[in-house]
Amino acid sequence: MASTRDDSSRNGVDVTALSATADAVRGNPAAAAFQFRAHNEWISGTHNRGTIHDYSGGGEERTHERTFQFDADHPAVLAGRDNGPAGPELVLHALASCLTAGLATAAAARGIRLTEVRSTVTGDLDLNGVLGLDPAVRNGFGQITVRFTVTGDAPADQLRDLVEHSRARSAVLDVLTNVVPVTIEVATV
């Protein structure tokens, strides 16, 4: 996707707003606290629907400009009806989207204009773990690989550095590579 030539916006990133956000957080560290939320409802079988609309950030409750809904399911070979991507595929998408956004933001902040950013993210999963057939096999991915193609008006080493910067700052990569406490609460009726 080609970028605009307006200096206040590079690669579709509002550089002025980015700078103002960083300044606001420096001046008020409490403004950095965000809570993102995803709501989900079971439909049938392995089919479920997610909704993302509300979150808190910058010290107040907020909503996206529109509500995002997406279906998730298993493919037929895994007893689903293929009404949407499987949960592990959504994780791969989350990683790709976070790394890509970080790369575009870093490029904008450095004055680099991008002309193309593409990635393919693969995750290797062994069903012996998920199905409980082999307790030595983990339930999740054993390996994730991200392959980027990046084109822009900077030398190759600077474009590679954008990917490294994004890797170092990615919230989703951090969630995947560091232990995150997960609390599960259940209400029954």
N, C-alpha and C. Protein backbone atom coordinates (compact mmCIF):
# COMPACT_ATOMS: atom_id res chain seq x y z
N MET A 1 0.85 -1.17 0.00
CA MET A 1 0.00 0.00 0.00
C MET A 1 0.90 1.24 0.00
N ALA A 2 0.68 2.13 -0.91
CA ALA A 2 1.49 3.34 -1.03
C ALA A 2 1.18 4.32 0.08
N SER A 3 2.18 5.11 0.46
CA SER A 3 1.99 6.09 1.53
C SER A 3 1.66 7.45 0.94
N THR A 4 1.19 8.34 1.80
CA THR A 4 0.88 9.70 1.40
C THR A 4 2.14 10.56 1.48
N ARG A 5 2.14 11.71 0.83
CA ARG A 5 3.31 12.59 0.83
C ARG A 5 3.20 13.70 1.87
N ASP A 6 2.11 13.82 2.59
CA ASP A 6 1.93 14.83 3.62
C ASP A 6 2.92 14.52 4.76
N ASP A 7 3.73 15.49 5.19
CA ASP A 7 4.74 15.26 6.21
C ASP A 7 4.16 14.98 7.61
N SER A 8 2.91 15.37 7.88
CA SER A 8 2.32 15.08 9.18
C SER A 8 1.79 13.65 9.23
N SER A 9 1.74 13.01 8.08
CA SER A 9 1.28 11.63 8.01
C SER A 9 2.25 10.85 7.12
N ARG A 10 2.84 9.81 7.69
CA ARG A 10 3.72 8.94 6.92
C ARG A 10 3.21 7.53 7.05
N ASN A 11 3.05 6.85 5.93
CA ASN A 11 2.58 5.46 5.91
C ASN A 11 1.20 5.33 6.53
N GLY A 12 0.42 6.41 6.47
CA GLY A 12 -0.92 6.39 7.08
C GLY A 12 -0.90 6.61 8.58
N VAL A 13 0.26 6.87 9.15
CA VAL A 13 0.40 7.11 10.59
C VAL A 13 0.44 8.62 10.82
N ASP A 14 -0.43 9.12 11.68
CA ASP A 14 -0.44 10.53 12.04
C ASP A 14 0.74 10.78 12.99
N VAL A 15 1.83 11.27 12.45
CA VAL A 15 3.06 11.46 13.21
C VAL A 15 2.87 12.49 14.31
N THR A 16 2.09 13.51 14.07
CA THR A 16 1.83 14.53 15.09
C THR A 16 1.08 13.92 16.27
N ALA A 17 0.07 13.12 15.98
CA ALA A 17 -0.69 12.46 17.05
C ALA A 17 0.18 11.46 17.80
N LEU A 18 1.03 10.73 17.08
CA LEU A 18 1.94 9.78 17.72
C LEU A 18 2.86 10.48 18.70
N SER A 19 3.41 11.59 18.28
CA SER A 19 4.30 12.37 19.14
C SER A 19 3.55 12.94 20.34
N ALA A 20 2.33 13.43 20.11
CA ALA A 20 1.51 13.97 21.20
C ALA A 20 1.16 12.89 22.22
N THR A 21 0.89 11.69 21.75
CA THR A 21 0.59 10.58 22.67
C THR A 21 1.80 10.26 23.53
N ALA A 22 2.96 10.17 22.92
CA ALA A 22 4.18 9.89 23.69
C ALA A 22 4.44 10.99 24.72
N ASP A 23 4.24 12.24 24.33
CA ASP A 23 4.44 13.36 25.26
C ASP A 23 3.44 13.30 26.41
N ALA A 24 2.17 12.95 26.10
CA ALA A 24 1.14 12.86 27.14
C ALA A 24 1.47 11.78 28.15
N VAL A 25 1.97 10.64 27.68
CA VAL A 25 2.32 9.54 28.59
C VAL A 25 3.54 9.92 29.42
N ARG A 26 4.51 10.61 28.81
CA ARG A 26 5.67 11.06 29.58
C ARG A 26 5.25 12.00 30.70
N GLY A 27 4.29 12.88 30.42
CA GLY A 27 3.82 13.85 31.40
C GLY A 27 2.86 13.27 32.42
N ASN A 28 2.20 12.16 32.09
CA ASN A 28 1.23 11.54 32.99
C ASN A 28 1.30 10.03 32.80
N PRO A 29 2.22 9.36 33.49
CA PRO A 29 2.41 7.92 33.30
C PRO A 29 1.13 7.09 33.50
N ALA A 30 0.20 7.56 34.30
CA ALA A 30 -1.05 6.82 34.51
C ALA A 30 -1.88 6.73 33.22
N ALA A 31 -1.66 7.65 32.30
CA ALA A 31 -2.39 7.64 31.03
C ALA A 31 -1.98 6.47 30.15
N ALA A 32 -0.90 5.78 30.49
CA ALA A 32 -0.42 4.65 29.69
C ALA A 32 -1.22 3.38 29.95
N ALA A 33 -2.01 3.34 31.01
CA ALA A 33 -2.74 2.12 31.37
C ALA A 33 -3.96 1.93 30.47
N PHE A 34 -3.98 0.82 29.74
CA PHE A 34 -5.10 0.45 28.88
C PHE A 34 -5.60 -0.93 29.27
N GLN A 35 -6.89 -1.15 29.08
CA GLN A 35 -7.46 -2.48 29.23
C GLN A 35 -8.27 -2.76 27.97
N PHE A 36 -7.79 -3.72 27.18
CA PHE A 36 -8.52 -4.12 25.99
C PHE A 36 -9.45 -5.27 26.35
N ARG A 37 -10.55 -5.39 25.65
CA ARG A 37 -11.55 -6.41 25.96
C ARG A 37 -12.05 -7.09 24.71
N ALA A 38 -12.31 -8.36 24.83
CA ALA A 38 -12.97 -9.14 23.77
C ALA A 38 -14.11 -9.90 24.42
N HIS A 39 -15.28 -9.80 23.84
CA HIS A 39 -16.46 -10.51 24.33
C HIS A 39 -16.74 -11.66 23.35
N ASN A 40 -17.22 -12.78 23.85
CA ASN A 40 -17.43 -13.93 23.00
C ASN A 40 -18.70 -14.66 23.39
N GLU A 41 -19.38 -15.21 22.40
CA GLU A 41 -20.61 -15.97 22.64
C GLU A 41 -20.60 -17.24 21.79
N TRP A 42 -20.90 -18.35 22.43
CA TRP A 42 -20.99 -19.63 21.75
C TRP A 42 -22.22 -19.65 20.85
N ILE A 43 -22.08 -20.15 19.64
CA ILE A 43 -23.19 -20.27 18.70
C ILE A 43 -23.67 -21.72 18.67
N SER A 44 -22.81 -22.64 18.25
CA SER A 44 -23.15 -24.06 18.18
C SER A 44 -21.89 -24.84 17.85
N GLY A 45 -21.77 -26.05 18.39
CA GLY A 45 -20.59 -26.85 18.10
C GLY A 45 -19.33 -26.10 18.51
N THR A 46 -18.39 -25.96 17.59
CA THR A 46 -17.16 -25.21 17.88
C THR A 46 -17.24 -23.77 17.36
N HIS A 47 -18.40 -23.39 16.84
CA HIS A 47 -18.62 -22.05 16.29
C HIS A 47 -18.93 -21.06 17.41
N ASN A 48 -18.23 -19.92 17.42
CA ASN A 48 -18.50 -18.87 18.39
C ASN A 48 -18.27 -17.52 17.73
N ARG A 49 -18.79 -16.47 18.33
CA ARG A 49 -18.70 -15.13 17.74
C ARG A 49 -18.08 -14.17 18.74
N GLY A 50 -17.07 -13.46 18.29
CA GLY A 50 -16.41 -12.46 19.11
C GLY A 50 -16.88 -11.07 18.76
N THR A 51 -16.93 -10.22 19.78
CA THR A 51 -17.28 -8.81 19.60
C THR A 51 -16.25 -7.96 20.33
N ILE A 52 -15.75 -6.96 19.63
CA ILE A 52 -14.80 -6.02 20.23
C ILE A 52 -15.37 -4.63 20.03
N HIS A 53 -15.59 -3.93 21.14
CA HIS A 53 -16.19 -2.60 21.04
C HIS A 53 -15.65 -1.65 22.12
N ASP A 54 -15.61 -2.10 23.36
CA ASP A 54 -15.26 -1.21 24.46
C ASP A 54 -13.86 -1.53 24.99
N TYR A 55 -13.24 -0.51 25.56
CA TYR A 55 -11.94 -0.64 26.20
C TYR A 55 -11.75 0.56 27.11
N SER A 56 -10.73 0.53 27.93
CA SER A 56 -10.41 1.73 28.71
C SER A 56 -8.98 2.13 28.39
N GLY A 57 -8.73 3.42 28.44
CA GLY A 57 -7.39 3.91 28.15
C GLY A 57 -7.30 5.39 28.40
N GLY A 58 -6.12 5.83 28.76
CA GLY A 58 -5.93 7.25 29.02
C GLY A 58 -6.80 7.75 30.17
N GLY A 59 -7.12 6.85 31.10
CA GLY A 59 -7.88 7.26 32.28
C GLY A 59 -9.38 7.28 32.12
N GLU A 60 -9.91 6.75 31.01
CA GLU A 60 -11.38 6.75 30.85
C GLU A 60 -11.86 5.57 30.02
N GLU A 61 -13.14 5.27 30.16
CA GLU A 61 -13.78 4.24 29.35
C GLU A 61 -13.94 4.77 27.94
N ARG A 62 -13.73 3.91 26.96
CA ARG A 62 -13.80 4.32 25.55
C ARG A 62 -14.48 3.24 24.73
N THR A 63 -14.87 3.62 23.51
CA THR A 63 -15.39 2.65 22.56
C THR A 63 -14.74 2.91 21.20
N HIS A 64 -14.61 1.85 20.43
CA HIS A 64 -14.15 1.99 19.05
C HIS A 64 -15.20 2.77 18.28
N GLU A 65 -14.83 3.31 17.14
CA GLU A 65 -15.78 4.04 16.31
C GLU A 65 -16.87 3.14 15.77
N ARG A 66 -16.60 1.85 15.70
CA ARG A 66 -17.63 0.87 15.32
C ARG A 66 -17.36 -0.42 16.06
N THR A 67 -18.35 -1.28 16.09
CA THR A 67 -18.22 -2.58 16.74
C THR A 67 -17.66 -3.59 15.74
N PHE A 68 -16.67 -4.34 16.15
CA PHE A 68 -16.07 -5.37 15.30
C PHE A 68 -16.60 -6.73 15.75
N GLN A 69 -17.11 -7.50 14.80
CA GLN A 69 -17.57 -8.85 15.09
C GLN A 69 -16.88 -9.81 14.15
N PHE A 70 -16.55 -10.97 14.66
CA PHE A 70 -15.92 -11.99 13.83
C PHE A 70 -16.29 -13.36 14.37
N ASP A 71 -16.45 -14.28 13.46
CA ASP A 71 -16.76 -15.65 13.83
C ASP A 71 -15.48 -16.46 13.91
N ALA A 72 -15.49 -17.45 14.78
CA ALA A 72 -14.38 -18.38 14.91
C ALA A 72 -14.98 -19.79 14.95
N ASP A 73 -14.25 -20.75 14.46
CA ASP A 73 -14.73 -22.13 14.39
C ASP A 73 -13.52 -23.01 14.13
N HIS A 74 -13.75 -24.29 14.12
CA HIS A 74 -12.73 -25.23 13.69
C HIS A 74 -13.03 -25.64 12.26
N PRO A 75 -12.02 -26.05 11.50
CA PRO A 75 -12.31 -26.60 10.18
C PRO A 75 -13.01 -27.95 10.34
N ALA A 76 -13.63 -28.40 9.27
CA ALA A 76 -14.39 -29.66 9.32
C ALA A 76 -13.54 -30.83 9.78
N VAL A 77 -12.27 -30.87 9.39
CA VAL A 77 -11.39 -31.97 9.77
C VAL A 77 -11.18 -32.02 11.29
N LEU A 78 -11.49 -30.91 11.99
CA LEU A 78 -11.37 -30.86 13.45
C LEU A 78 -12.74 -30.75 14.11
N ALA A 79 -13.75 -31.35 13.50
CA ALA A 79 -15.12 -31.44 14.05
C ALA A 79 -15.88 -30.12 14.06
N GLY A 80 -15.42 -29.16 13.27
CA GLY A 80 -16.12 -27.88 13.17
C GLY A 80 -16.88 -27.77 11.86
N ARG A 81 -17.37 -26.57 11.60
CA ARG A 81 -18.10 -26.32 10.36
C ARG A 81 -17.46 -25.20 9.54
N ASP A 82 -16.26 -24.79 9.94
CA ASP A 82 -15.48 -23.82 9.19
C ASP A 82 -16.20 -22.48 9.00
N ASN A 83 -16.88 -22.02 10.06
CA ASN A 83 -17.58 -20.73 10.01
C ASN A 83 -16.66 -19.54 10.21
N GLY A 84 -15.40 -19.81 10.48
CA GLY A 84 -14.42 -18.75 10.69
C GLY A 84 -13.08 -19.39 11.02
N PRO A 85 -12.05 -18.58 11.18
CA PRO A 85 -10.74 -19.13 11.52
C PRO A 85 -10.76 -19.75 12.92
N ALA A 86 -9.87 -20.69 13.13
CA ALA A 86 -9.72 -21.32 14.44
C ALA A 86 -8.96 -20.37 15.37
N GLY A 87 -9.12 -20.55 16.66
CA GLY A 87 -8.44 -19.72 17.65
C GLY A 87 -6.95 -19.56 17.41
N PRO A 88 -6.22 -20.66 17.16
CA PRO A 88 -4.79 -20.51 16.90
C PRO A 88 -4.49 -19.65 15.67
N GLU A 89 -5.35 -19.70 14.66
CA GLU A 89 -5.16 -18.85 13.47
C GLU A 89 -5.36 -17.38 13.83
N LEU A 90 -6.29 -17.11 14.72
CA LEU A 90 -6.51 -15.74 15.17
C LEU A 90 -5.30 -15.22 15.94
N VAL A 91 -4.64 -16.09 16.68
CA VAL A 91 -3.40 -15.70 17.38
C VAL A 91 -2.33 -15.32 16.36
N LEU A 92 -2.19 -16.11 15.31
CA LEU A 92 -1.21 -15.79 14.27
C LEU A 92 -1.52 -14.45 13.62
N HIS A 93 -2.81 -14.21 13.35
CA HIS A 93 -3.22 -12.93 12.78
C HIS A 93 -2.90 -11.77 13.74
N ALA A 94 -3.18 -11.99 15.03
CA ALA A 94 -2.89 -10.95 16.03
C ALA A 94 -1.41 -10.60 16.03
N LEU A 95 -0.56 -11.62 15.93
CA LEU A 95 0.89 -11.37 15.90
C LEU A 95 1.27 -10.58 14.64
N ALA A 96 0.76 -11.01 13.49
CA ALA A 96 1.07 -10.31 12.24
C ALA A 96 0.60 -8.86 12.28
N SER A 97 -0.61 -8.64 12.80
CA SER A 97 -1.15 -7.28 12.81
C SER A 97 -0.37 -6.38 13.77
N CYS A 98 0.05 -6.90 14.90
CA CYS A 98 0.81 -6.11 15.86
C CYS A 98 2.19 -5.77 15.32
N LEU A 99 2.88 -6.76 14.75
CA LEU A 99 4.20 -6.50 14.19
C LEU A 99 4.14 -5.52 13.02
N THR A 100 3.12 -5.65 12.18
CA THR A 100 2.98 -4.75 11.02
C THR A 100 2.68 -3.33 11.47
N ALA A 101 1.79 -3.17 12.43
CA ALA A 101 1.47 -1.82 12.94
C ALA A 101 2.69 -1.18 13.57
N GLY A 102 3.44 -1.95 14.34
CA GLY A 102 4.65 -1.42 14.96
C GLY A 102 5.70 -1.03 13.94
N LEU A 103 5.84 -1.82 12.90
CA LEU A 103 6.79 -1.52 11.83
C LEU A 103 6.40 -0.22 11.12
N ALA A 104 5.12 -0.08 10.79
CA ALA A 104 4.65 1.13 10.10
C ALA A 104 4.83 2.37 10.97
N THR A 105 4.57 2.23 12.25
CA THR A 105 4.72 3.36 13.18
C THR A 105 6.20 3.75 13.32
N ALA A 106 7.06 2.75 13.46
CA ALA A 106 8.50 3.03 13.58
C ALA A 106 9.02 3.70 12.31
N ALA A 107 8.57 3.23 11.16
CA ALA A 107 8.99 3.84 9.89
C ALA A 107 8.54 5.29 9.83
N ALA A 108 7.30 5.55 10.22
CA ALA A 108 6.78 6.92 10.19
C ALA A 108 7.59 7.82 11.11
N ALA A 109 7.89 7.34 12.31
CA ALA A 109 8.65 8.14 13.27
C ALA A 109 10.07 8.43 12.76
N ARG A 110 10.61 7.53 11.96
CA ARG A 110 11.98 7.70 11.44
C ARG A 110 12.01 8.39 10.07
N GLY A 111 10.84 8.75 9.56
CA GLY A 111 10.80 9.44 8.27
C GLY A 111 10.97 8.51 7.07
N ILE A 112 10.77 7.22 7.27
CA ILE A 112 10.90 6.25 6.18
C ILE A 112 9.52 6.01 5.57
N ARG A 113 9.44 6.15 4.26
CA ARG A 113 8.18 5.89 3.56
C ARG A 113 8.18 4.46 3.06
N LEU A 114 7.14 3.75 3.44
CA LEU A 114 6.98 2.35 3.03
C LEU A 114 6.13 2.28 1.76
N THR A 115 6.44 1.31 0.91
CA THR A 115 5.60 1.07 -0.27
C THR A 115 4.94 -0.30 -0.21
N GLU A 116 5.53 -1.22 0.56
CA GLU A 116 4.93 -2.55 0.72
C GLU A 116 5.41 -3.19 2.01
N VAL A 117 4.47 -3.78 2.73
CA VAL A 117 4.79 -4.62 3.88
C VAL A 117 3.85 -5.81 3.81
N ARG A 118 4.44 -6.98 3.70
CA ARG A 118 3.66 -8.23 3.69
C ARG A 118 4.31 -9.20 4.66
N SER A 119 3.47 -10.03 5.26
CA SER A 119 4.02 -11.06 6.13
C SER A 119 3.20 -12.33 6.02
N THR A 120 3.87 -13.43 6.29
CA THR A 120 3.22 -14.72 6.44
C THR A 120 3.67 -15.27 7.78
N VAL A 121 2.70 -15.65 8.59
CA VAL A 121 2.99 -16.19 9.91
C VAL A 121 2.50 -17.63 9.94
N THR A 122 3.38 -18.54 10.29
CA THR A 122 3.00 -19.95 10.38
C THR A 122 3.21 -20.43 11.80
N GLY A 123 2.34 -21.33 12.22
CA GLY A 123 2.44 -21.93 13.54
C GLY A 123 2.30 -23.42 13.44
N ASP A 124 3.25 -24.15 14.00
CA ASP A 124 3.22 -25.61 13.96
C ASP A 124 2.57 -26.13 15.23
N LEU A 125 1.52 -26.93 15.06
CA LEU A 125 0.75 -27.45 16.19
C LEU A 125 0.58 -28.96 16.03
N ASP A 126 0.78 -29.69 17.09
CA ASP A 126 0.66 -31.14 17.11
C ASP A 126 -0.61 -31.51 17.86
N LEU A 127 -1.58 -32.11 17.18
CA LEU A 127 -2.86 -32.46 17.80
C LEU A 127 -2.73 -33.48 18.93
N ASN A 128 -1.62 -34.18 19.04
CA ASN A 128 -1.45 -35.12 20.14
C ASN A 128 -1.55 -34.43 21.49
N GLY A 129 -1.16 -33.16 21.55
CA GLY A 129 -1.29 -32.40 22.80
C GLY A 129 -2.71 -31.97 23.05
N VAL A 130 -3.33 -31.30 22.09
CA VAL A 130 -4.70 -30.78 22.23
C VAL A 130 -5.69 -31.91 22.53
N LEU A 131 -5.51 -33.05 21.86
CA LEU A 131 -6.43 -34.17 22.05
C LEU A 131 -6.11 -35.01 23.29
N GLY A 132 -5.05 -34.64 24.00
CA GLY A 132 -4.69 -35.36 25.22
C GLY A 132 -4.12 -36.75 24.96
N LEU A 133 -3.61 -36.99 23.75
CA LEU A 133 -3.09 -38.31 23.40
C LEU A 133 -1.66 -38.53 23.86
N ASP A 134 -0.91 -37.44 24.05
CA ASP A 134 0.47 -37.54 24.50
C ASP A 134 0.75 -36.38 25.45
N PRO A 135 0.85 -36.66 26.76
CA PRO A 135 1.06 -35.59 27.74
C PRO A 135 2.41 -34.87 27.57
N ALA A 136 3.32 -35.44 26.79
CA ALA A 136 4.62 -34.80 26.57
C ALA A 136 4.54 -33.73 25.47
N VAL A 137 3.44 -33.68 24.74
CA VAL A 137 3.29 -32.71 23.65
C VAL A 137 2.47 -31.54 24.16
N ARG A 138 2.97 -30.34 23.94
CA ARG A 138 2.25 -29.15 24.41
C ARG A 138 0.97 -28.96 23.61
N ASN A 139 0.01 -28.25 24.21
CA ASN A 139 -1.28 -27.99 23.56
C ASN A 139 -1.17 -26.92 22.47
N GLY A 140 -0.29 -25.99 22.66
CA GLY A 140 -0.18 -24.86 21.73
C GLY A 140 0.88 -25.08 20.67
N PHE A 141 1.21 -23.98 19.99
CA PHE A 141 2.21 -24.04 18.94
C PHE A 141 3.56 -24.47 19.50
N GLY A 142 4.25 -25.31 18.77
CA GLY A 142 5.61 -25.68 19.11
C GLY A 142 6.61 -24.70 18.52
N GLN A 143 6.21 -24.03 17.45
CA GLN A 143 7.07 -23.06 16.75
C GLN A 143 6.19 -22.11 15.96
N ILE A 144 6.54 -20.83 15.98
CA ILE A 144 5.90 -19.81 15.14
C ILE A 144 7.00 -19.15 14.32
N THR A 145 6.76 -18.97 13.03
CA THR A 145 7.71 -18.31 12.14
C THR A 145 7.02 -17.16 11.45
N VAL A 146 7.66 -15.99 11.44
CA VAL A 146 7.14 -14.80 10.75
C VAL A 146 8.12 -14.46 9.63
N ARG A 147 7.58 -14.33 8.42
CA ARG A 147 8.40 -13.94 7.26
C ARG A 147 7.86 -12.63 6.70
N PHE A 148 8.70 -11.61 6.66
CA PHE A 148 8.33 -10.28 6.17
C PHE A 148 8.95 -9.99 4.82
N THR A 149 8.21 -9.24 4.01
CA THR A 149 8.73 -8.56 2.82
C THR A 149 8.46 -7.09 3.05
N VAL A 150 9.51 -6.28 3.05
CA VAL A 150 9.37 -4.85 3.33
C VAL A 150 10.07 -4.07 2.22
N THR A 151 9.36 -3.10 1.66
CA THR A 151 9.90 -2.24 0.63
C THR A 151 9.63 -0.79 1.02
N GLY A 152 10.64 0.06 0.85
CA GLY A 152 10.47 1.47 1.17
C GLY A 152 11.65 2.29 0.66
N ASP A 153 11.68 3.56 1.05
CA ASP A 153 12.71 4.46 0.55
C ASP A 153 13.95 4.51 1.43
N ALA A 154 14.26 3.40 2.08
CA ALA A 154 15.45 3.32 2.94
C ALA A 154 16.27 2.10 2.54
N PRO A 155 17.54 2.09 2.89
CA PRO A 155 18.38 0.92 2.60
C PRO A 155 17.87 -0.33 3.31
N ALA A 156 18.23 -1.49 2.79
CA ALA A 156 17.76 -2.77 3.32
C ALA A 156 18.02 -2.93 4.82
N ASP A 157 19.20 -2.49 5.29
CA ASP A 157 19.50 -2.65 6.71
C ASP A 157 18.55 -1.83 7.58
N GLN A 158 18.15 -0.65 7.12
CA GLN A 158 17.19 0.16 7.88
C GLN A 158 15.80 -0.45 7.85
N LEU A 159 15.42 -1.06 6.74
CA LEU A 159 14.12 -1.74 6.67
C LEU A 159 14.12 -2.96 7.59
N ARG A 160 15.21 -3.70 7.62
CA ARG A 160 15.32 -4.84 8.55
C ARG A 160 15.27 -4.35 10.00
N ASP A 161 15.87 -3.19 10.27
CA ASP A 161 15.86 -2.62 11.62
C ASP A 161 14.44 -2.26 12.07
N LEU A 162 13.59 -1.86 11.11
CA LEU A 162 12.19 -1.58 11.45
C LEU A 162 11.50 -2.83 11.99
N VAL A 163 11.77 -3.95 11.34
CA VAL A 163 11.19 -5.22 11.79
C VAL A 163 11.72 -5.56 13.18
N GLU A 164 13.02 -5.37 13.39
CA GLU A 164 13.62 -5.65 14.71
C GLU A 164 13.02 -4.74 15.78
N HIS A 165 12.85 -3.46 15.45
CA HIS A 165 12.24 -2.53 16.41
C HIS A 165 10.82 -2.99 16.76
N SER A 166 10.06 -3.37 15.75
CA SER A 166 8.70 -3.84 15.99
C SER A 166 8.70 -5.11 16.84
N ARG A 167 9.61 -6.02 16.54
CA ARG A 167 9.73 -7.25 17.34
C ARG A 167 10.00 -6.91 18.81
N ALA A 168 10.89 -5.97 19.03
CA ALA A 168 11.28 -5.60 20.40
C ALA A 168 10.14 -4.91 21.17
N ARG A 169 9.20 -4.26 20.48
CA ARG A 169 8.15 -3.49 21.14
C ARG A 169 6.76 -4.12 21.01
N SER A 170 6.63 -5.25 20.36
CA SER A 170 5.32 -5.86 20.09
C SER A 170 4.65 -6.40 21.35
N ALA A 171 3.46 -5.89 21.63
CA ALA A 171 2.69 -6.38 22.78
C ALA A 171 2.27 -7.84 22.57
N VAL A 172 1.87 -8.19 21.36
CA VAL A 172 1.41 -9.57 21.10
C VAL A 172 2.57 -10.54 21.19
N LEU A 173 3.72 -10.18 20.64
CA LEU A 173 4.88 -11.06 20.76
C LEU A 173 5.27 -11.24 22.22
N ASP A 174 5.18 -10.18 23.00
CA ASP A 174 5.46 -10.28 24.43
C ASP A 174 4.50 -11.26 25.11
N VAL A 175 3.22 -11.18 24.77
CA VAL A 175 2.22 -12.10 25.35
C VAL A 175 2.57 -13.54 24.99
N LEU A 176 3.02 -13.76 23.76
CA LEU A 176 3.32 -15.12 23.30
C LEU A 176 4.62 -15.67 23.87
N THR A 177 5.58 -14.83 24.19
CA THR A 177 6.90 -15.32 24.58
C THR A 177 7.20 -15.19 26.07
N ASN A 178 6.33 -14.55 26.82
CA ASN A 178 6.52 -14.42 28.26
C ASN A 178 5.29 -14.96 28.97
N VAL A 179 5.50 -15.49 30.15
CA VAL A 179 4.37 -16.03 30.91
C VAL A 179 3.45 -14.89 31.33
N VAL A 180 2.19 -14.99 30.97
CA VAL A 180 1.19 -14.00 31.35
C VAL A 180 0.17 -14.70 32.26
N PRO A 181 -0.02 -14.20 33.46
CA PRO A 181 -1.02 -14.82 34.33
C PRO A 181 -2.41 -14.70 33.70
N VAL A 182 -3.13 -15.80 33.65
CA VAL A 182 -4.49 -15.81 33.12
C VAL A 182 -5.40 -16.33 34.22
N THR A 183 -6.39 -15.53 34.56
CA THR A 183 -7.38 -15.92 35.56
C THR A 183 -8.67 -16.27 34.83
N ILE A 184 -9.23 -17.42 35.14
CA ILE A 184 -10.50 -17.82 34.53
C ILE A 184 -11.53 -17.89 35.65
N GLU A 185 -12.58 -17.08 35.52
CA GLU A 185 -13.68 -17.06 36.48
C GLU A 185 -14.92 -17.63 35.80
N VAL A 186 -15.73 -18.36 36.54
CA VAL A 186 -16.91 -19.01 35.96
C VAL A 186 -18.14 -18.63 36.75
N ALA A 187 -19.18 -18.17 36.03
CA ALA A 187 -20.51 -17.96 36.64
C ALA A 187 -21.45 -18.94 35.99
N THR A 188 -22.22 -19.66 36.78
CA THR A 188 -23.19 -20.60 36.25
C THR A 188 -24.58 -20.18 36.67
N VAL A 189 -25.54 -20.55 35.87
CA VAL A 189 -26.94 -20.22 36.17
C VAL A 189 -27.76 -21.46 36.21
